Amino acid sequence: MTTDEEKDPKAFVLKGATSGGIPGVKPATAGQLPPEESFQAEADPNPHPELYGEFTDEDRQVARQTMEAVTGTGTPQIFDEENAYDWFQKKTVEGFRYWAGFTQYKIKFDDGSKVIYERQPLTKHQSDELLDLSAEIQGMRDIDNDKPLSVTDVRKRQKTLDKLKAAYYMKNVRTGKMMTPDELDHVADSTIIDSILEACFAITVAKWAEGKK
């Protein structure tokens, strides 16, 4: 006679799924297995409780602490815009101080050649020209007609400013000539020359600010 439980497929699946083995299939009893396999149903499912005991909350805590120690994620890292700005500003000042500590710079070009340039002081006209361009870039406005500048205009002014910095600050020690726009375009590491020129300009701005006091 068939019971209601055996007629109900849901009851069959749930019972099979919670009793171990393949989900939806009832595990065989010792009497249903061949003699040579009956020991499998009679065997203790957990013969070594000391090795395969229940995973407790304490075990989970230890595992979590171990993982945090390995990955270094124990202390949450939180991004703070103000802290990031302070960090960037600090690193920028440190970079300016480093490059400003030199009076000569050996610059490597993309063809493998190296040229030594010496930092030059600026004339009044040169200083004003760089400061005016910088002000236009930061304010995105033309100084002469007080009109707004497009992004393209700002980018053009930035490229002009970079070339003027190289032409005004970097004097070739061997030839006595200033760095040309073509030479600037072929510097091997743009980050180095950009940092040097920014540091030189920062010195000019600092001197200009001191003169205004």
N, C-alpha and C. Protein backbone atom coordinates (compact mmCIF):
# COMPACT_ATOMS: atom_id res chain seq x y z
N MET A 1 0.85 -1.19 0.00
CA MET A 1 0.00 0.00 0.00
C MET A 1 0.89 1.24 0.00
N THR A 2 0.52 2.21 -0.83
CA THR A 2 1.32 3.43 -0.96
C THR A 2 0.83 4.49 0.00
N THR A 3 1.74 5.10 0.73
CA THR A 3 1.37 6.15 1.68
C THR A 3 1.22 7.47 0.97
N ASP A 4 0.56 8.46 1.66
CA ASP A 4 0.40 9.79 1.09
C ASP A 4 1.73 10.45 0.83
N GLU A 5 2.71 10.16 1.71
CA GLU A 5 4.03 10.76 1.58
C GLU A 5 4.71 10.33 0.31
N GLU A 6 4.53 8.98 -0.04
CA GLU A 6 5.18 8.47 -1.24
C GLU A 6 4.47 8.95 -2.50
N LYS A 7 3.12 9.27 -2.37
CA LYS A 7 2.40 9.78 -3.52
C LYS A 7 2.76 11.23 -3.82
N ASP A 8 3.08 11.96 -2.78
CA ASP A 8 3.37 13.39 -2.93
C ASP A 8 4.82 13.57 -3.37
N PRO A 9 5.06 14.00 -4.60
CA PRO A 9 6.45 14.15 -5.06
C PRO A 9 7.23 15.17 -4.26
N LYS A 10 6.54 16.24 -3.74
CA LYS A 10 7.23 17.25 -2.96
C LYS A 10 7.78 16.65 -1.67
N ALA A 11 6.94 15.81 -1.04
CA ALA A 11 7.39 15.17 0.19
C ALA A 11 8.58 14.28 -0.08
N PHE A 12 8.57 13.62 -1.27
CA PHE A 12 9.67 12.73 -1.64
C PHE A 12 10.97 13.53 -1.82
N VAL A 13 10.85 14.63 -2.52
CA VAL A 13 12.04 15.44 -2.78
C VAL A 13 12.59 16.05 -1.50
N LEU A 14 11.69 16.60 -0.66
CA LEU A 14 12.14 17.23 0.57
C LEU A 14 12.80 16.22 1.49
N LYS A 15 12.19 15.04 1.59
CA LYS A 15 12.77 14.03 2.47
C LYS A 15 14.12 13.60 1.95
N GLY A 16 14.23 13.39 0.63
CA GLY A 16 15.50 12.97 0.07
C GLY A 16 16.56 14.05 0.18
N ALA A 17 16.12 15.30 0.03
CA ALA A 17 17.08 16.40 0.06
C ALA A 17 17.63 16.64 1.44
N THR A 18 16.90 16.29 2.48
CA THR A 18 17.34 16.57 3.84
C THR A 18 17.93 15.35 4.54
N SER A 19 17.95 14.23 3.87
CA SER A 19 18.44 13.02 4.54
C SER A 19 19.81 12.61 4.05
N GLY A 20 20.47 13.44 3.24
CA GLY A 20 21.82 13.14 2.77
C GLY A 20 21.80 12.47 1.43
N GLY A 21 22.98 12.35 0.79
CA GLY A 21 23.05 11.73 -0.51
C GLY A 21 22.62 12.66 -1.61
N ILE A 22 22.07 12.11 -2.69
CA ILE A 22 21.65 12.91 -3.84
C ILE A 22 20.33 13.56 -3.54
N PRO A 23 20.19 14.88 -3.75
CA PRO A 23 18.91 15.55 -3.50
C PRO A 23 17.78 14.91 -4.30
N GLY A 24 16.66 14.60 -3.64
CA GLY A 24 15.51 14.01 -4.30
C GLY A 24 15.52 12.49 -4.32
N VAL A 25 16.57 11.88 -3.79
CA VAL A 25 16.67 10.42 -3.79
C VAL A 25 16.85 9.94 -2.36
N LYS A 26 15.98 9.01 -1.95
CA LYS A 26 16.09 8.48 -0.59
C LYS A 26 17.31 7.59 -0.46
N PRO A 27 18.06 7.75 0.66
CA PRO A 27 19.21 6.87 0.85
C PRO A 27 18.75 5.44 1.10
N ALA A 28 19.54 4.48 0.59
CA ALA A 28 19.19 3.06 0.76
C ALA A 28 19.46 2.61 2.18
N THR A 29 18.64 1.68 2.65
CA THR A 29 18.85 1.08 3.97
C THR A 29 19.77 -0.11 3.83
N ALA A 30 20.24 -0.67 4.95
CA ALA A 30 21.14 -1.82 4.91
C ALA A 30 20.47 -3.02 4.25
N GLY A 31 19.14 -3.20 4.45
CA GLY A 31 18.45 -4.35 3.87
C GLY A 31 18.26 -4.22 2.37
N GLN A 32 18.33 -3.00 1.83
CA GLN A 32 18.14 -2.80 0.40
C GLN A 32 19.44 -2.93 -0.39
N LEU A 33 20.57 -2.93 0.29
CA LEU A 33 21.85 -3.01 -0.39
C LEU A 33 22.33 -4.46 -0.47
N PRO A 34 23.15 -4.78 -1.48
CA PRO A 34 23.76 -6.12 -1.54
C PRO A 34 24.63 -6.35 -0.31
N PRO A 35 24.82 -7.62 0.07
CA PRO A 35 25.62 -7.93 1.28
C PRO A 35 26.99 -7.26 1.29
N GLU A 36 27.63 -7.22 0.10
CA GLU A 36 28.99 -6.66 0.07
C GLU A 36 28.99 -5.14 0.24
N GLU A 37 27.80 -4.46 0.17
CA GLU A 37 27.74 -3.02 0.33
C GLU A 37 26.94 -2.57 1.55
N SER A 38 26.34 -3.52 2.27
CA SER A 38 25.47 -3.17 3.39
C SER A 38 26.21 -2.46 4.51
N PHE A 39 27.54 -2.68 4.59
CA PHE A 39 28.31 -2.02 5.65
C PHE A 39 28.29 -0.51 5.52
N GLN A 40 28.05 -0.01 4.28
CA GLN A 40 28.05 1.43 4.07
C GLN A 40 26.89 2.11 4.80
N ALA A 41 25.72 1.44 4.83
CA ALA A 41 24.56 2.01 5.51
C ALA A 41 24.67 1.84 7.01
N GLU A 42 25.39 0.80 7.45
CA GLU A 42 25.51 0.54 8.88
C GLU A 42 26.64 1.34 9.53
N ALA A 43 27.54 1.86 8.70
CA ALA A 43 28.71 2.55 9.25
C ALA A 43 28.30 3.86 9.91
N ASP A 44 29.10 4.25 10.92
CA ASP A 44 28.86 5.53 11.61
C ASP A 44 29.16 6.66 10.64
N PRO A 45 28.20 7.54 10.34
CA PRO A 45 28.45 8.62 9.39
C PRO A 45 29.51 9.60 9.86
N ASN A 46 29.81 9.60 11.15
CA ASN A 46 30.83 10.51 11.66
C ASN A 46 31.74 9.74 12.61
N PRO A 47 32.62 8.89 12.04
CA PRO A 47 33.44 8.03 12.89
C PRO A 47 34.48 8.77 13.71
N HIS A 48 34.82 9.99 13.32
CA HIS A 48 35.84 10.76 14.04
C HIS A 48 35.27 12.12 14.39
N PRO A 49 34.42 12.20 15.42
CA PRO A 49 33.80 13.48 15.76
C PRO A 49 34.81 14.54 16.15
N GLU A 50 35.98 14.12 16.64
CA GLU A 50 36.97 15.11 17.03
C GLU A 50 37.58 15.79 15.82
N LEU A 51 37.49 15.14 14.64
CA LEU A 51 38.01 15.72 13.43
C LEU A 51 36.94 16.40 12.58
N TYR A 52 35.73 15.89 12.66
CA TYR A 52 34.66 16.39 11.81
C TYR A 52 33.48 16.87 12.65
N GLY A 53 33.77 17.57 13.71
CA GLY A 53 32.71 18.07 14.57
C GLY A 53 31.97 19.24 13.95
N GLU A 54 31.01 19.77 14.63
CA GLU A 54 30.21 20.88 14.14
C GLU A 54 31.05 22.15 14.09
N PHE A 55 30.86 22.94 13.01
CA PHE A 55 31.58 24.21 12.84
C PHE A 55 30.86 25.27 13.65
N THR A 56 31.41 25.64 14.79
CA THR A 56 30.74 26.53 15.73
C THR A 56 31.00 28.00 15.38
N ASP A 57 30.30 28.90 16.09
CA ASP A 57 30.52 30.34 15.90
C ASP A 57 31.94 30.74 16.28
N GLU A 58 32.47 30.07 17.28
CA GLU A 58 33.85 30.35 17.68
C GLU A 58 34.83 29.98 16.58
N ASP A 59 34.56 28.83 15.91
CA ASP A 59 35.40 28.44 14.78
C ASP A 59 35.34 29.47 13.67
N ARG A 60 34.13 29.97 13.40
CA ARG A 60 33.97 30.97 12.34
C ARG A 60 34.73 32.25 12.67
N GLN A 61 34.70 32.65 13.96
CA GLN A 61 35.40 33.85 14.39
C GLN A 61 36.91 33.70 14.20
N VAL A 62 37.44 32.53 14.54
CA VAL A 62 38.87 32.28 14.38
C VAL A 62 39.24 32.29 12.91
N ALA A 63 38.40 31.67 12.08
CA ALA A 63 38.67 31.65 10.64
C ALA A 63 38.64 33.04 10.05
N ARG A 64 37.69 33.86 10.50
CA ARG A 64 37.58 35.22 9.99
C ARG A 64 38.80 36.05 10.40
N GLN A 65 39.24 35.91 11.65
CA GLN A 65 40.39 36.65 12.12
C GLN A 65 41.66 36.24 11.36
N THR A 66 41.76 34.93 11.08
CA THR A 66 42.91 34.44 10.33
C THR A 66 42.92 35.02 8.93
N MET A 67 41.77 35.05 8.28
CA MET A 67 41.67 35.60 6.93
C MET A 67 42.00 37.09 6.92
N GLU A 68 41.53 37.82 7.91
CA GLU A 68 41.81 39.25 7.98
C GLU A 68 43.30 39.51 8.17
N ALA A 69 43.94 38.64 8.98
CA ALA A 69 45.38 38.81 9.21
C ALA A 69 46.17 38.55 7.93
N VAL A 70 45.70 37.59 7.12
CA VAL A 70 46.39 37.24 5.89
C VAL A 70 46.19 38.30 4.82
N THR A 71 44.96 38.74 4.67
CA THR A 71 44.64 39.69 3.60
C THR A 71 44.83 41.14 4.01
N GLY A 72 44.98 41.41 5.30
CA GLY A 72 45.16 42.78 5.76
C GLY A 72 43.91 43.60 5.68
N THR A 73 42.75 42.96 5.77
CA THR A 73 41.48 43.68 5.65
C THR A 73 40.80 43.86 7.00
N GLY A 74 41.53 43.68 8.08
CA GLY A 74 40.92 43.80 9.39
C GLY A 74 40.43 45.21 9.68
N THR A 75 41.23 46.22 9.27
CA THR A 75 40.85 47.62 9.49
C THR A 75 40.24 48.18 8.22
N PRO A 76 39.01 48.64 8.25
CA PRO A 76 38.38 49.15 7.04
C PRO A 76 39.08 50.40 6.52
N GLN A 77 39.30 50.45 5.21
CA GLN A 77 39.94 51.59 4.57
C GLN A 77 38.85 52.50 3.99
N ILE A 78 38.75 53.71 4.49
CA ILE A 78 37.69 54.63 4.11
C ILE A 78 38.27 55.80 3.34
N PHE A 79 37.73 56.06 2.15
CA PHE A 79 38.18 57.19 1.35
C PHE A 79 37.56 58.47 1.88
N ASP A 80 38.38 59.47 2.10
CA ASP A 80 37.92 60.77 2.56
C ASP A 80 38.50 61.80 1.59
N GLU A 81 37.63 62.55 0.93
CA GLU A 81 38.08 63.50 -0.09
C GLU A 81 39.04 64.53 0.48
N GLU A 82 38.79 65.01 1.70
CA GLU A 82 39.67 66.01 2.29
C GLU A 82 41.04 65.42 2.58
N ASN A 83 41.06 64.19 3.10
CA ASN A 83 42.34 63.54 3.38
C ASN A 83 43.12 63.31 2.08
N ALA A 84 42.41 62.91 1.02
CA ALA A 84 43.07 62.67 -0.26
C ALA A 84 43.65 63.97 -0.81
N TYR A 85 42.92 65.05 -0.67
CA TYR A 85 43.42 66.35 -1.15
C TYR A 85 44.65 66.77 -0.35
N ASP A 86 44.63 66.59 0.96
CA ASP A 86 45.78 66.95 1.79
C ASP A 86 46.99 66.11 1.42
N TRP A 87 46.74 64.81 1.17
CA TRP A 87 47.84 63.91 0.81
C TRP A 87 48.46 64.33 -0.52
N PHE A 88 47.59 64.63 -1.51
CA PHE A 88 48.08 65.03 -2.82
C PHE A 88 48.85 66.34 -2.75
N GLN A 89 48.33 67.28 -1.96
CA GLN A 89 48.99 68.58 -1.82
C GLN A 89 50.36 68.41 -1.16
N LYS A 90 50.42 67.56 -0.16
CA LYS A 90 51.68 67.30 0.53
C LYS A 90 52.70 66.69 -0.43
N LYS A 91 52.27 65.70 -1.22
CA LYS A 91 53.17 65.06 -2.17
C LYS A 91 53.63 66.04 -3.25
N THR A 92 52.73 66.93 -3.66
CA THR A 92 53.09 67.93 -4.67
C THR A 92 54.17 68.87 -4.15
N VAL A 93 54.00 69.33 -2.91
CA VAL A 93 54.99 70.23 -2.30
C VAL A 93 56.32 69.51 -2.15
N GLU A 94 56.28 68.24 -1.75
CA GLU A 94 57.51 67.46 -1.61
C GLU A 94 58.23 67.34 -2.96
N GLY A 95 57.43 67.14 -4.02
CA GLY A 95 58.03 67.03 -5.35
C GLY A 95 58.67 68.34 -5.79
N PHE A 96 57.99 69.45 -5.53
CA PHE A 96 58.55 70.76 -5.87
C PHE A 96 59.86 71.00 -5.14
N ARG A 97 59.89 70.67 -3.85
CA ARG A 97 61.11 70.87 -3.06
C ARG A 97 62.26 70.03 -3.60
N TYR A 98 61.94 68.81 -4.03
CA TYR A 98 62.98 67.92 -4.55
C TYR A 98 63.60 68.50 -5.82
N TRP A 99 62.75 68.81 -6.81
CA TRP A 99 63.26 69.29 -8.09
C TRP A 99 63.86 70.68 -7.96
N ALA A 100 63.33 71.50 -7.06
CA ALA A 100 63.85 72.85 -6.88
C ALA A 100 65.23 72.84 -6.23
N GLY A 101 65.63 71.72 -5.67
CA GLY A 101 66.94 71.61 -5.03
C GLY A 101 68.08 71.50 -6.01
N PHE A 102 67.77 71.32 -7.31
CA PHE A 102 68.82 71.22 -8.34
C PHE A 102 68.86 72.50 -9.17
N THR A 103 70.06 72.79 -9.68
CA THR A 103 70.21 73.92 -10.61
C THR A 103 70.46 73.43 -12.03
N GLN A 104 70.86 72.15 -12.17
CA GLN A 104 71.07 71.54 -13.47
C GLN A 104 70.32 70.20 -13.55
N TYR A 105 69.87 69.87 -14.76
CA TYR A 105 69.08 68.65 -14.96
C TYR A 105 69.58 67.93 -16.20
N LYS A 106 69.92 66.65 -16.05
CA LYS A 106 70.31 65.84 -17.20
C LYS A 106 69.05 65.19 -17.75
N ILE A 107 68.64 65.62 -18.93
CA ILE A 107 67.39 65.17 -19.54
C ILE A 107 67.68 64.13 -20.62
N LYS A 108 66.94 63.02 -20.56
CA LYS A 108 67.08 61.95 -21.56
C LYS A 108 65.99 62.09 -22.61
N PHE A 109 66.37 61.91 -23.88
CA PHE A 109 65.43 62.02 -24.99
C PHE A 109 65.08 60.63 -25.55
N ASP A 110 64.02 60.60 -26.37
CA ASP A 110 63.55 59.30 -26.85
C ASP A 110 64.51 58.61 -27.81
N ASP A 111 65.54 59.30 -28.28
CA ASP A 111 66.55 58.65 -29.13
C ASP A 111 67.71 58.11 -28.30
N GLY A 112 67.63 58.24 -26.97
CA GLY A 112 68.67 57.72 -26.08
C GLY A 112 69.71 58.75 -25.68
N SER A 113 69.73 59.91 -26.34
CA SER A 113 70.72 60.95 -26.01
C SER A 113 70.34 61.65 -24.71
N LYS A 114 71.35 62.27 -24.08
CA LYS A 114 71.14 63.00 -22.84
C LYS A 114 71.77 64.39 -22.94
N VAL A 115 71.03 65.37 -22.44
CA VAL A 115 71.50 66.75 -22.49
C VAL A 115 71.34 67.38 -21.11
N ILE A 116 72.35 68.14 -20.70
CA ILE A 116 72.29 68.82 -19.41
C ILE A 116 71.76 70.25 -19.62
N TYR A 117 70.72 70.58 -18.87
CA TYR A 117 70.14 71.92 -18.92
C TYR A 117 70.30 72.59 -17.55
N GLU A 118 70.50 73.90 -17.57
CA GLU A 118 70.63 74.67 -16.34
C GLU A 118 69.43 75.58 -16.17
N ARG A 119 68.89 75.60 -14.97
CA ARG A 119 67.73 76.45 -14.69
C ARG A 119 68.10 77.92 -14.73
N GLN A 120 67.28 78.71 -15.43
CA GLN A 120 67.54 80.14 -15.60
C GLN A 120 66.51 80.98 -14.85
N PRO A 121 66.92 82.12 -14.33
CA PRO A 121 65.95 83.04 -13.72
C PRO A 121 65.15 83.73 -14.83
N LEU A 122 63.96 84.18 -14.51
CA LEU A 122 63.10 84.80 -15.51
C LEU A 122 63.20 86.32 -15.50
N THR A 123 63.00 86.90 -16.67
CA THR A 123 62.88 88.35 -16.75
C THR A 123 61.47 88.73 -16.31
N LYS A 124 61.23 90.01 -16.11
CA LYS A 124 59.90 90.49 -15.71
C LYS A 124 58.86 90.13 -16.78
N HIS A 125 59.21 90.31 -18.02
CA HIS A 125 58.27 90.00 -19.11
C HIS A 125 57.93 88.51 -19.13
N GLN A 126 58.95 87.66 -18.99
CA GLN A 126 58.73 86.22 -19.00
C GLN A 126 57.86 85.78 -17.83
N SER A 127 58.15 86.31 -16.66
CA SER A 127 57.37 85.97 -15.48
C SER A 127 55.90 86.37 -15.65
N ASP A 128 55.66 87.59 -16.14
CA ASP A 128 54.29 88.06 -16.35
C ASP A 128 53.56 87.19 -17.36
N GLU A 129 54.26 86.80 -18.40
CA GLU A 129 53.63 85.99 -19.46
C GLU A 129 53.18 84.64 -18.91
N LEU A 130 54.03 84.01 -18.12
CA LEU A 130 53.69 82.70 -17.55
C LEU A 130 52.55 82.83 -16.54
N LEU A 131 52.62 83.86 -15.71
CA LEU A 131 51.58 84.05 -14.69
C LEU A 131 50.22 84.36 -15.33
N ASP A 132 50.24 85.16 -16.41
CA ASP A 132 48.98 85.48 -17.09
C ASP A 132 48.36 84.24 -17.72
N LEU A 133 49.17 83.44 -18.37
CA LEU A 133 48.66 82.22 -18.99
C LEU A 133 48.12 81.26 -17.94
N SER A 134 48.84 81.14 -16.84
CA SER A 134 48.38 80.26 -15.75
C SER A 134 47.05 80.73 -15.19
N ALA A 135 46.90 82.06 -15.04
CA ALA A 135 45.64 82.61 -14.53
C ALA A 135 44.49 82.35 -15.49
N GLU A 136 44.74 82.45 -16.79
CA GLU A 136 43.70 82.18 -17.78
C GLU A 136 43.27 80.72 -17.75
N ILE A 137 44.25 79.84 -17.59
CA ILE A 137 43.95 78.40 -17.54
C ILE A 137 43.11 78.07 -16.31
N GLN A 138 43.52 78.58 -15.16
CA GLN A 138 42.80 78.28 -13.93
C GLN A 138 41.41 78.92 -13.90
N GLY A 139 41.31 80.13 -14.40
CA GLY A 139 40.02 80.83 -14.38
C GLY A 139 39.16 80.56 -15.59
N MET A 140 39.76 79.93 -16.63
CA MET A 140 39.07 79.64 -17.89
C MET A 140 38.46 80.90 -18.49
N ARG A 141 39.23 82.02 -18.41
CA ARG A 141 38.79 83.29 -18.98
C ARG A 141 39.98 84.00 -19.61
N ASP A 142 39.71 84.66 -20.72
CA ASP A 142 40.75 85.43 -21.38
C ASP A 142 40.97 86.73 -20.60
N ILE A 143 42.22 87.03 -20.29
CA ILE A 143 42.52 88.21 -19.48
C ILE A 143 42.23 89.51 -20.23
N ASP A 144 42.56 89.56 -21.51
CA ASP A 144 42.44 90.81 -22.26
C ASP A 144 40.99 91.25 -22.48
N ASN A 145 40.11 90.29 -22.87
CA ASN A 145 38.72 90.68 -23.14
C ASN A 145 37.72 90.13 -22.11
N ASP A 146 38.23 89.44 -21.10
CA ASP A 146 37.39 88.91 -20.02
C ASP A 146 36.24 88.05 -20.56
N LYS A 147 36.55 87.19 -21.52
CA LYS A 147 35.56 86.27 -22.07
C LYS A 147 35.89 84.84 -21.65
N PRO A 148 34.86 84.01 -21.48
CA PRO A 148 35.11 82.62 -21.08
C PRO A 148 35.86 81.84 -22.16
N LEU A 149 36.66 80.89 -21.72
CA LEU A 149 37.43 80.05 -22.63
C LEU A 149 36.81 78.66 -22.71
N SER A 150 36.84 78.08 -23.87
CA SER A 150 36.36 76.71 -24.04
C SER A 150 37.43 75.74 -23.53
N VAL A 151 37.07 74.49 -23.42
CA VAL A 151 38.04 73.48 -22.99
C VAL A 151 39.19 73.40 -23.98
N THR A 152 38.86 73.53 -25.25
CA THR A 152 39.91 73.51 -26.28
C THR A 152 40.85 74.69 -26.13
N ASP A 153 40.29 75.87 -25.85
CA ASP A 153 41.14 77.06 -25.65
C ASP A 153 42.07 76.88 -24.45
N VAL A 154 41.53 76.31 -23.39
CA VAL A 154 42.33 76.08 -22.19
C VAL A 154 43.47 75.11 -22.48
N ARG A 155 43.16 74.05 -23.23
CA ARG A 155 44.19 73.06 -23.57
C ARG A 155 45.29 73.69 -24.43
N LYS A 156 44.90 74.54 -25.37
CA LYS A 156 45.89 75.21 -26.21
C LYS A 156 46.80 76.11 -25.39
N ARG A 157 46.20 76.81 -24.44
CA ARG A 157 46.99 77.67 -23.57
C ARG A 157 47.94 76.85 -22.69
N GLN A 158 47.49 75.68 -22.26
CA GLN A 158 48.34 74.82 -21.43
C GLN A 158 49.56 74.35 -22.22
N LYS A 159 49.35 73.98 -23.47
CA LYS A 159 50.46 73.55 -24.31
C LYS A 159 51.43 74.71 -24.55
N THR A 160 50.89 75.90 -24.76
CA THR A 160 51.74 77.08 -24.94
C THR A 160 52.53 77.37 -23.67
N LEU A 161 51.87 77.25 -22.52
CA LEU A 161 52.53 77.50 -21.24
C LEU A 161 53.68 76.52 -21.03
N ASP A 162 53.45 75.23 -21.34
CA ASP A 162 54.49 74.22 -21.16
C ASP A 162 55.72 74.54 -22.03
N LYS A 163 55.48 74.95 -23.27
CA LYS A 163 56.59 75.25 -24.18
C LYS A 163 57.35 76.50 -23.74
N LEU A 164 56.61 77.49 -23.22
CA LEU A 164 57.27 78.71 -22.73
C LEU A 164 58.11 78.41 -21.49
N LYS A 165 57.60 77.55 -20.61
CA LYS A 165 58.39 77.18 -19.43
C LYS A 165 59.72 76.56 -19.85
N ALA A 166 59.66 75.64 -20.81
CA ALA A 166 60.89 74.99 -21.28
C ALA A 166 61.82 76.02 -21.92
N ALA A 167 61.25 76.93 -22.70
CA ALA A 167 62.07 77.93 -23.41
C ALA A 167 62.67 78.97 -22.47
N TYR A 168 61.98 79.25 -21.36
CA TYR A 168 62.45 80.29 -20.43
C TYR A 168 63.35 79.74 -19.32
N TYR A 169 63.11 78.51 -18.90
CA TYR A 169 63.85 77.96 -17.75
C TYR A 169 65.05 77.10 -18.14
N MET A 170 64.95 76.30 -19.22
CA MET A 170 65.94 75.27 -19.52
C MET A 170 66.97 75.73 -20.55
N LYS A 171 68.19 76.01 -20.09
CA LYS A 171 69.27 76.43 -20.97
C LYS A 171 70.26 75.29 -21.16
N ASN A 172 70.51 74.93 -22.42
CA ASN A 172 71.46 73.88 -22.76
C ASN A 172 72.86 74.32 -22.35
N VAL A 173 73.48 73.56 -21.42
CA VAL A 173 74.79 73.94 -20.90
C VAL A 173 75.85 73.93 -21.99
N ARG A 174 75.76 73.01 -22.94
CA ARG A 174 76.79 72.88 -23.98
C ARG A 174 76.65 73.94 -25.07
N THR A 175 75.42 74.18 -25.53
CA THR A 175 75.22 75.12 -26.65
C THR A 175 74.84 76.52 -26.20
N GLY A 176 74.34 76.65 -24.97
CA GLY A 176 73.90 77.95 -24.48
C GLY A 176 72.53 78.35 -24.99
N LYS A 177 71.83 77.44 -25.71
CA LYS A 177 70.51 77.73 -26.26
C LYS A 177 69.42 77.19 -25.32
N MET A 178 68.25 77.81 -25.40
CA MET A 178 67.13 77.37 -24.58
C MET A 178 66.44 76.17 -25.24
N MET A 179 65.74 75.40 -24.44
CA MET A 179 65.06 74.22 -24.94
C MET A 179 63.98 74.60 -25.95
N THR A 180 63.99 73.94 -27.10
CA THR A 180 63.03 74.24 -28.15
C THR A 180 61.76 73.40 -27.96
N PRO A 181 60.63 73.80 -28.60
CA PRO A 181 59.40 73.00 -28.53
C PRO A 181 59.61 71.58 -29.04
N ASP A 182 60.44 71.41 -30.08
CA ASP A 182 60.70 70.07 -30.62
C ASP A 182 61.46 69.22 -29.61
N GLU A 183 62.40 69.83 -28.91
CA GLU A 183 63.15 69.09 -27.88
C GLU A 183 62.20 68.67 -26.76
N LEU A 184 61.32 69.57 -26.37
CA LEU A 184 60.37 69.25 -25.31
C LEU A 184 59.47 68.07 -25.71
N ASP A 185 59.06 68.05 -26.97
CA ASP A 185 58.19 66.97 -27.44
C ASP A 185 58.88 65.62 -27.44
N HIS A 186 60.20 65.61 -27.47
CA HIS A 186 60.93 64.34 -27.58
C HIS A 186 61.66 63.95 -26.29
N VAL A 187 61.31 64.56 -25.18
CA VAL A 187 61.85 64.11 -23.89
C VAL A 187 61.31 62.71 -23.61
N ALA A 188 62.16 61.81 -23.16
CA ALA A 188 61.78 60.41 -22.99
C ALA A 188 60.71 60.20 -21.93
N ASP A 189 60.85 60.88 -20.80
CA ASP A 189 59.90 60.71 -19.69
C ASP A 189 59.19 62.04 -19.44
N SER A 190 57.94 62.10 -19.85
CA SER A 190 57.19 63.36 -19.72
C SER A 190 56.97 63.74 -18.26
N THR A 191 56.83 62.75 -17.40
CA THR A 191 56.56 63.06 -15.99
C THR A 191 57.73 63.79 -15.35
N ILE A 192 58.95 63.46 -15.76
CA ILE A 192 60.13 64.10 -15.18
C ILE A 192 60.23 65.55 -15.64
N ILE A 193 60.14 65.79 -16.94
CA ILE A 193 60.28 67.17 -17.42
C ILE A 193 59.11 68.03 -16.95
N ASP A 194 57.90 67.45 -16.91
CA ASP A 194 56.75 68.20 -16.41
C ASP A 194 56.95 68.59 -14.94
N SER A 195 57.48 67.66 -14.16
CA SER A 195 57.72 67.94 -12.74
C SER A 195 58.79 69.01 -12.56
N ILE A 196 59.84 68.94 -13.36
CA ILE A 196 60.92 69.94 -13.28
C ILE A 196 60.39 71.33 -13.62
N LEU A 197 59.64 71.43 -14.72
CA LEU A 197 59.13 72.73 -15.15
C LEU A 197 58.10 73.28 -14.16
N GLU A 198 57.29 72.40 -13.58
CA GLU A 198 56.33 72.84 -12.57
C GLU A 198 57.05 73.35 -11.33
N ALA A 199 58.13 72.68 -10.95
CA ALA A 199 58.90 73.11 -9.79
C ALA A 199 59.55 74.47 -10.05
N CYS A 200 60.07 74.65 -11.27
CA CYS A 200 60.66 75.95 -11.63
C CYS A 200 59.62 77.05 -11.57
N PHE A 201 58.43 76.76 -12.09
CA PHE A 201 57.36 77.74 -12.08
C PHE A 201 56.90 78.03 -10.65
N ALA A 202 56.89 76.98 -9.81
CA ALA A 202 56.49 77.17 -8.41
C ALA A 202 57.45 78.12 -7.70
N ILE A 203 58.74 78.03 -8.05
CA ILE A 203 59.72 78.95 -7.47
C ILE A 203 59.40 80.38 -7.89
N THR A 204 59.06 80.58 -9.16
CA THR A 204 58.70 81.90 -9.66
C THR A 204 57.48 82.45 -8.94
N VAL A 205 56.45 81.60 -8.79
CA VAL A 205 55.22 82.03 -8.11
C VAL A 205 55.51 82.39 -6.67
N ALA A 206 56.36 81.57 -6.00
CA ALA A 206 56.70 81.83 -4.60
C ALA A 206 57.43 83.16 -4.47
N LYS A 207 58.35 83.42 -5.37
CA LYS A 207 59.09 84.69 -5.33
C LYS A 207 58.15 85.86 -5.62
N TRP A 208 57.23 85.64 -6.56
CA TRP A 208 56.26 86.70 -6.90
C TRP A 208 55.38 87.00 -5.69
N ALA A 209 54.95 85.94 -4.99
CA ALA A 209 54.10 86.12 -3.81
C ALA A 209 54.85 86.85 -2.70
N GLU A 210 56.13 86.50 -2.53
CA GLU A 210 56.93 87.16 -1.49
C GLU A 210 57.11 88.64 -1.82
N GLY A 211 57.25 88.94 -3.12
CA GLY A 211 57.44 90.32 -3.52
C GLY A 211 56.21 91.17 -3.31
N LYS A 212 55.03 90.51 -3.23
CA LYS A 212 53.77 91.23 -3.05
C LYS A 212 53.51 91.56 -1.58
N LYS A 213 54.27 90.97 -0.67
CA LYS A 213 54.03 91.19 0.76
C LYS A 213 54.49 92.59 1.17
